[in-house]
Amino acid sequence: MDYSDLIKQLGSGLGRQILAFDYSEELGGCLIYLVTPNGCTLLIPDEIIEHKYDDVLSMLRARLKNDNAGVSHEILTDVNDELEFKPAPAKATLGDAAGDEVKPAQCG
């Protein structure tokens, strides 16, 4: 499965919580912009989507059902075979944070 399949499945039932979505080759993944007061963005790396599609979908559904008011930018990581959203470090852009946080060894 890929990014477009993921977005289609997320959109059914949870579309009101997603402001927009995009694919970033530079970041190597799917960006999901949430409807929040502070403009939350989630980065889902390609490698995780490809290797753990069903787990990613379940994790995103659970994440989108939570109150996202206090959340800023997060990156989905795969550490020791466990998926976890981690806050992006305080850097100028999510791209800078993705370069630090998302490494192939973490992705399955």
N, C-alpha and C. Protein backbone atom coordinates (compact mmCIF):
# COMPACT_ATOMS: atom_id res chain seq x y z
N MET A 1 0.84 -1.18 0.00
CA MET A 1 0.00 0.00 0.00
C MET A 1 0.89 1.24 0.00
N ASP A 2 0.30 2.35 -0.42
CA ASP A 2 1.09 3.57 -0.49
C ASP A 2 0.35 4.74 0.13
N TYR A 3 0.96 5.88 -0.02
CA TYR A 3 0.47 7.12 0.56
C TYR A 3 -0.97 7.44 0.15
N SER A 4 -1.29 7.31 -1.14
CA SER A 4 -2.65 7.67 -1.59
C SER A 4 -3.70 6.73 -1.01
N ASP A 5 -3.38 5.45 -0.89
CA ASP A 5 -4.30 4.50 -0.27
C ASP A 5 -4.52 4.85 1.21
N LEU A 6 -3.44 5.22 1.87
CA LEU A 6 -3.52 5.59 3.28
C LEU A 6 -4.45 6.79 3.47
N ILE A 7 -4.30 7.80 2.65
CA ILE A 7 -5.12 9.01 2.76
C ILE A 7 -6.59 8.70 2.47
N LYS A 8 -6.86 7.88 1.46
CA LYS A 8 -8.24 7.51 1.14
C LYS A 8 -8.90 6.81 2.33
N GLN A 9 -8.18 5.89 2.94
CA GLN A 9 -8.76 5.16 4.06
C GLN A 9 -8.92 6.04 5.30
N LEU A 10 -7.99 6.95 5.51
CA LEU A 10 -8.12 7.87 6.64
C LEU A 10 -9.27 8.84 6.43
N GLY A 11 -9.47 9.26 5.20
CA GLY A 11 -10.51 10.23 4.88
C GLY A 11 -11.91 9.74 5.18
N SER A 12 -12.11 8.43 5.08
CA SER A 12 -13.44 7.90 5.36
C SER A 12 -13.65 7.86 6.87
N GLY A 13 -14.48 8.76 7.34
CA GLY A 13 -14.81 8.82 8.76
C GLY A 13 -14.01 9.82 9.57
N LEU A 14 -12.80 10.14 9.14
CA LEU A 14 -11.96 11.06 9.90
C LEU A 14 -11.60 12.31 9.11
N GLY A 15 -12.23 12.50 7.97
CA GLY A 15 -11.90 13.60 7.07
C GLY A 15 -12.00 14.98 7.69
N ARG A 16 -12.89 15.16 8.65
CA ARG A 16 -13.06 16.48 9.26
C ARG A 16 -11.88 16.89 10.13
N GLN A 17 -11.08 15.93 10.54
CA GLN A 17 -9.92 16.24 11.38
C GLN A 17 -8.66 16.50 10.56
N ILE A 18 -8.73 16.22 9.25
CA ILE A 18 -7.59 16.42 8.37
C ILE A 18 -7.83 17.68 7.54
N LEU A 19 -6.96 18.66 7.70
CA LEU A 19 -7.05 19.89 6.94
C LEU A 19 -6.55 19.67 5.52
N ALA A 20 -5.42 19.02 5.38
CA ALA A 20 -4.82 18.76 4.08
C ALA A 20 -3.79 17.65 4.23
N PHE A 21 -3.31 17.18 3.10
CA PHE A 21 -2.25 16.18 3.10
C PHE A 21 -1.39 16.40 1.88
N ASP A 22 -0.18 15.88 1.94
CA ASP A 22 0.76 16.09 0.86
C ASP A 22 1.79 14.98 0.92
N TYR A 23 2.48 14.80 -0.19
CA TYR A 23 3.60 13.88 -0.21
C TYR A 23 4.87 14.68 -0.41
N SER A 24 5.87 14.43 0.39
CA SER A 24 7.13 15.15 0.28
C SER A 24 8.26 14.18 -0.05
N GLU A 25 8.80 14.30 -1.27
CA GLU A 25 9.96 13.48 -1.62
C GLU A 25 11.15 13.85 -0.77
N GLU A 26 11.30 15.14 -0.51
CA GLU A 26 12.42 15.62 0.30
C GLU A 26 12.42 15.00 1.69
N LEU A 27 11.23 14.91 2.29
CA LEU A 27 11.12 14.33 3.63
C LEU A 27 10.96 12.82 3.59
N GLY A 28 10.63 12.29 2.42
CA GLY A 28 10.48 10.85 2.28
C GLY A 28 9.24 10.30 2.95
N GLY A 29 8.13 11.05 2.84
CA GLY A 29 6.92 10.54 3.45
C GLY A 29 5.71 11.41 3.24
N CYS A 30 4.66 11.03 3.92
CA CYS A 30 3.36 11.66 3.84
C CYS A 30 3.23 12.69 4.95
N LEU A 31 2.82 13.90 4.58
CA LEU A 31 2.53 14.94 5.56
C LEU A 31 1.03 15.05 5.72
N ILE A 32 0.57 15.00 6.95
CA ILE A 32 -0.86 15.14 7.24
C ILE A 32 -1.02 16.37 8.12
N TYR A 33 -1.77 17.33 7.62
CA TYR A 33 -2.01 18.58 8.35
C TYR A 33 -3.35 18.45 9.06
N LEU A 34 -3.36 18.60 10.38
CA LEU A 34 -4.57 18.42 11.16
C LEU A 34 -5.28 19.74 11.42
N VAL A 35 -6.58 19.65 11.63
CA VAL A 35 -7.37 20.82 11.99
C VAL A 35 -7.16 21.06 13.48
N THR A 36 -6.24 21.95 13.81
CA THR A 36 -5.93 22.30 15.20
C THR A 36 -5.63 23.79 15.27
N PRO A 37 -5.77 24.39 16.45
CA PRO A 37 -5.47 25.81 16.58
C PRO A 37 -4.02 26.16 16.25
N ASN A 38 -3.09 25.23 16.50
CA ASN A 38 -1.67 25.54 16.29
C ASN A 38 -1.09 24.92 15.02
N GLY A 39 -1.92 24.36 14.16
CA GLY A 39 -1.45 23.84 12.88
C GLY A 39 -0.56 22.61 12.98
N CYS A 40 -1.04 21.57 13.60
CA CYS A 40 -0.29 20.33 13.77
C CYS A 40 -0.02 19.65 12.42
N THR A 41 1.19 19.12 12.28
CA THR A 41 1.57 18.35 11.10
C THR A 41 2.15 17.02 11.57
N LEU A 42 1.71 15.94 10.92
CA LEU A 42 2.26 14.61 11.19
C LEU A 42 3.06 14.17 9.97
N LEU A 43 4.24 13.63 10.18
CA LEU A 43 5.05 13.07 9.10
C LEU A 43 5.06 11.55 9.25
N ILE A 44 4.63 10.87 8.19
CA ILE A 44 4.62 9.41 8.18
C ILE A 44 5.61 8.96 7.10
N PRO A 45 6.77 8.43 7.47
CA PRO A 45 7.78 8.03 6.50
C PRO A 45 7.32 6.89 5.59
N ASP A 46 7.77 6.95 4.33
CA ASP A 46 7.44 5.92 3.34
C ASP A 46 7.74 4.51 3.82
N GLU A 47 8.91 4.33 4.41
CA GLU A 47 9.33 2.99 4.82
C GLU A 47 8.36 2.37 5.81
N ILE A 48 7.83 3.19 6.68
CA ILE A 48 6.89 2.68 7.67
C ILE A 48 5.55 2.35 7.00
N ILE A 49 5.11 3.21 6.08
CA ILE A 49 3.87 2.93 5.35
C ILE A 49 3.99 1.62 4.59
N GLU A 50 5.12 1.43 3.90
CA GLU A 50 5.31 0.23 3.08
C GLU A 50 5.38 -1.05 3.90
N HIS A 51 6.05 -1.01 5.04
CA HIS A 51 6.27 -2.23 5.82
C HIS A 51 5.22 -2.51 6.88
N LYS A 52 4.50 -1.48 7.31
CA LYS A 52 3.55 -1.67 8.41
C LYS A 52 2.25 -0.92 8.14
N TYR A 53 1.74 -1.07 6.94
CA TYR A 53 0.57 -0.30 6.51
C TYR A 53 -0.60 -0.40 7.48
N ASP A 54 -1.00 -1.61 7.83
CA ASP A 54 -2.16 -1.79 8.71
C ASP A 54 -1.93 -1.18 10.09
N ASP A 55 -0.72 -1.35 10.61
CA ASP A 55 -0.38 -0.77 11.91
C ASP A 55 -0.40 0.76 11.85
N VAL A 56 0.12 1.31 10.75
CA VAL A 56 0.13 2.77 10.57
C VAL A 56 -1.30 3.29 10.53
N LEU A 57 -2.15 2.62 9.78
CA LEU A 57 -3.54 3.04 9.66
C LEU A 57 -4.23 3.03 11.02
N SER A 58 -4.05 1.97 11.78
CA SER A 58 -4.64 1.88 13.13
C SER A 58 -4.09 2.97 14.04
N MET A 59 -2.80 3.18 13.98
CA MET A 59 -2.16 4.19 14.83
C MET A 59 -2.67 5.59 14.48
N LEU A 60 -2.79 5.89 13.19
CA LEU A 60 -3.28 7.20 12.78
C LEU A 60 -4.74 7.40 13.17
N ARG A 61 -5.55 6.38 13.00
CA ARG A 61 -6.96 6.50 13.41
C ARG A 61 -7.07 6.81 14.90
N ALA A 62 -6.30 6.09 15.70
CA ALA A 62 -6.32 6.33 17.14
C ALA A 62 -5.81 7.74 17.45
N ARG A 63 -4.77 8.15 16.77
CA ARG A 63 -4.17 9.47 17.00
C ARG A 63 -5.14 10.59 16.62
N LEU A 64 -5.87 10.42 15.53
CA LEU A 64 -6.79 11.44 15.06
C LEU A 64 -8.04 11.55 15.93
N LYS A 65 -8.35 10.50 16.67
CA LYS A 65 -9.51 10.55 17.56
C LYS A 65 -9.19 11.28 18.86
N ASN A 66 -7.90 11.49 19.15
CA ASN A 66 -7.49 12.20 20.37
C ASN A 66 -7.67 13.70 20.18
N ASP A 67 -7.65 14.40 21.29
CA ASP A 67 -7.66 15.86 21.25
C ASP A 67 -6.28 16.33 20.81
N ASN A 68 -6.22 17.04 19.70
CA ASN A 68 -4.94 17.45 19.13
C ASN A 68 -4.59 18.90 19.43
N ALA A 69 -5.30 19.52 20.37
CA ALA A 69 -5.13 20.95 20.62
C ALA A 69 -3.72 21.32 21.06
N GLY A 70 -3.08 20.51 21.86
CA GLY A 70 -1.77 20.87 22.38
C GLY A 70 -0.60 20.34 21.57
N VAL A 71 -0.88 19.73 20.45
CA VAL A 71 0.16 19.07 19.66
C VAL A 71 0.66 20.01 18.57
N SER A 72 1.95 19.95 18.30
CA SER A 72 2.52 20.77 17.23
C SER A 72 2.89 19.89 16.04
N HIS A 73 4.15 19.48 15.93
CA HIS A 73 4.59 18.64 14.82
C HIS A 73 5.12 17.32 15.38
N GLU A 74 4.71 16.21 14.76
CA GLU A 74 5.14 14.90 15.22
C GLU A 74 5.58 14.05 14.04
N ILE A 75 6.46 13.11 14.33
CA ILE A 75 6.97 12.17 13.34
C ILE A 75 6.67 10.77 13.83
N LEU A 76 6.12 9.93 12.95
CA LEU A 76 5.89 8.54 13.31
C LEU A 76 7.21 7.79 13.16
N THR A 77 7.64 7.13 14.22
CA THR A 77 8.90 6.40 14.20
C THR A 77 8.63 4.92 14.48
N ASP A 78 9.57 4.10 14.07
CA ASP A 78 9.53 2.67 14.33
C ASP A 78 10.82 2.31 15.04
N VAL A 79 10.73 2.19 16.35
CA VAL A 79 11.90 1.88 17.16
C VAL A 79 11.68 0.53 17.82
N ASN A 80 12.58 -0.39 17.55
CA ASN A 80 12.48 -1.75 18.11
C ASN A 80 11.13 -2.37 17.79
N ASP A 81 10.68 -2.17 16.56
CA ASP A 81 9.43 -2.75 16.05
C ASP A 81 8.18 -2.20 16.74
N GLU A 82 8.28 -1.04 17.35
CA GLU A 82 7.15 -0.36 17.99
C GLU A 82 6.93 0.98 17.32
N LEU A 83 5.71 1.22 16.84
CA LEU A 83 5.38 2.51 16.25
C LEU A 83 5.05 3.50 17.35
N GLU A 84 5.56 4.71 17.17
CA GLU A 84 5.34 5.75 18.18
C GLU A 84 5.45 7.12 17.53
N PHE A 85 4.51 8.01 17.90
CA PHE A 85 4.62 9.40 17.47
C PHE A 85 5.57 10.10 18.43
N LYS A 86 6.55 10.79 17.86
CA LYS A 86 7.48 11.56 18.67
C LYS A 86 7.40 13.02 18.25
N PRO A 87 7.46 13.92 19.21
CA PRO A 87 7.47 15.34 18.85
C PRO A 87 8.70 15.65 18.01
N ALA A 88 8.48 16.47 16.99
CA ALA A 88 9.62 16.93 16.20
C ALA A 88 10.45 17.86 17.06
N PRO A 89 11.76 17.76 17.00
CA PRO A 89 12.60 18.67 17.78
C PRO A 89 12.34 20.12 17.39
N ALA A 90 12.63 21.02 18.27
CA ALA A 90 12.42 22.45 18.00
C ALA A 90 13.46 22.91 16.98
N LYS A 91 13.12 22.81 15.72
CA LYS A 91 13.99 23.23 14.63
C LYS A 91 13.20 24.15 13.72
N ALA A 92 13.87 24.71 12.76
CA ALA A 92 13.23 25.68 11.87
C ALA A 92 12.11 25.05 11.04
N THR A 93 12.30 23.82 10.61
CA THR A 93 11.29 23.19 9.76
C THR A 93 11.11 21.73 10.15
N LEU A 94 9.99 21.18 9.74
CA LEU A 94 9.77 19.75 9.95
C LEU A 94 10.79 18.95 9.16
N GLY A 95 11.23 19.48 8.02
CA GLY A 95 12.24 18.82 7.21
C GLY A 95 13.54 18.62 7.98
N ASP A 96 13.97 19.63 8.71
CA ASP A 96 15.17 19.51 9.53
C ASP A 96 14.98 18.44 10.59
N ALA A 97 13.82 18.43 11.21
CA ALA A 97 13.53 17.45 12.25
C ALA A 97 13.49 16.05 11.66
N ALA A 98 12.89 15.90 10.48
CA ALA A 98 12.80 14.59 9.86
C ALA A 98 14.18 14.04 9.56
N GLY A 99 15.07 14.88 9.14
CA GLY A 99 16.43 14.44 8.87
C GLY A 99 17.11 13.88 10.10
N ASP A 100 16.78 14.42 11.26
CA ASP A 100 17.36 13.95 12.51
C ASP A 100 16.66 12.71 13.04
N GLU A 101 15.35 12.64 12.90
CA GLU A 101 14.56 11.62 13.57
C GLU A 101 14.34 10.36 12.74
N VAL A 102 14.15 10.49 11.44
CA VAL A 102 13.76 9.35 10.63
C VAL A 102 14.98 8.77 9.95
N LYS A 103 15.36 7.59 10.36
CA LYS A 103 16.52 6.92 9.79
C LYS A 103 16.08 5.53 9.34
N PRO A 104 16.66 5.01 8.25
CA PRO A 104 16.24 3.70 7.74
C PRO A 104 16.24 2.61 8.80
N ALA A 105 17.16 2.65 9.73
CA ALA A 105 17.22 1.61 10.76
C ALA A 105 15.99 1.62 11.65
N GLN A 106 15.29 2.74 11.71
CA GLN A 106 14.10 2.83 12.54
C GLN A 106 12.86 2.33 11.81
N CYS A 107 12.98 2.05 10.55
CA CYS A 107 11.79 1.82 9.73
C CYS A 107 11.63 0.38 9.32
N GLY A 108 11.57 -0.51 10.25
CA GLY A 108 11.18 -1.86 9.97
C GLY A 108 12.26 -2.81 9.75
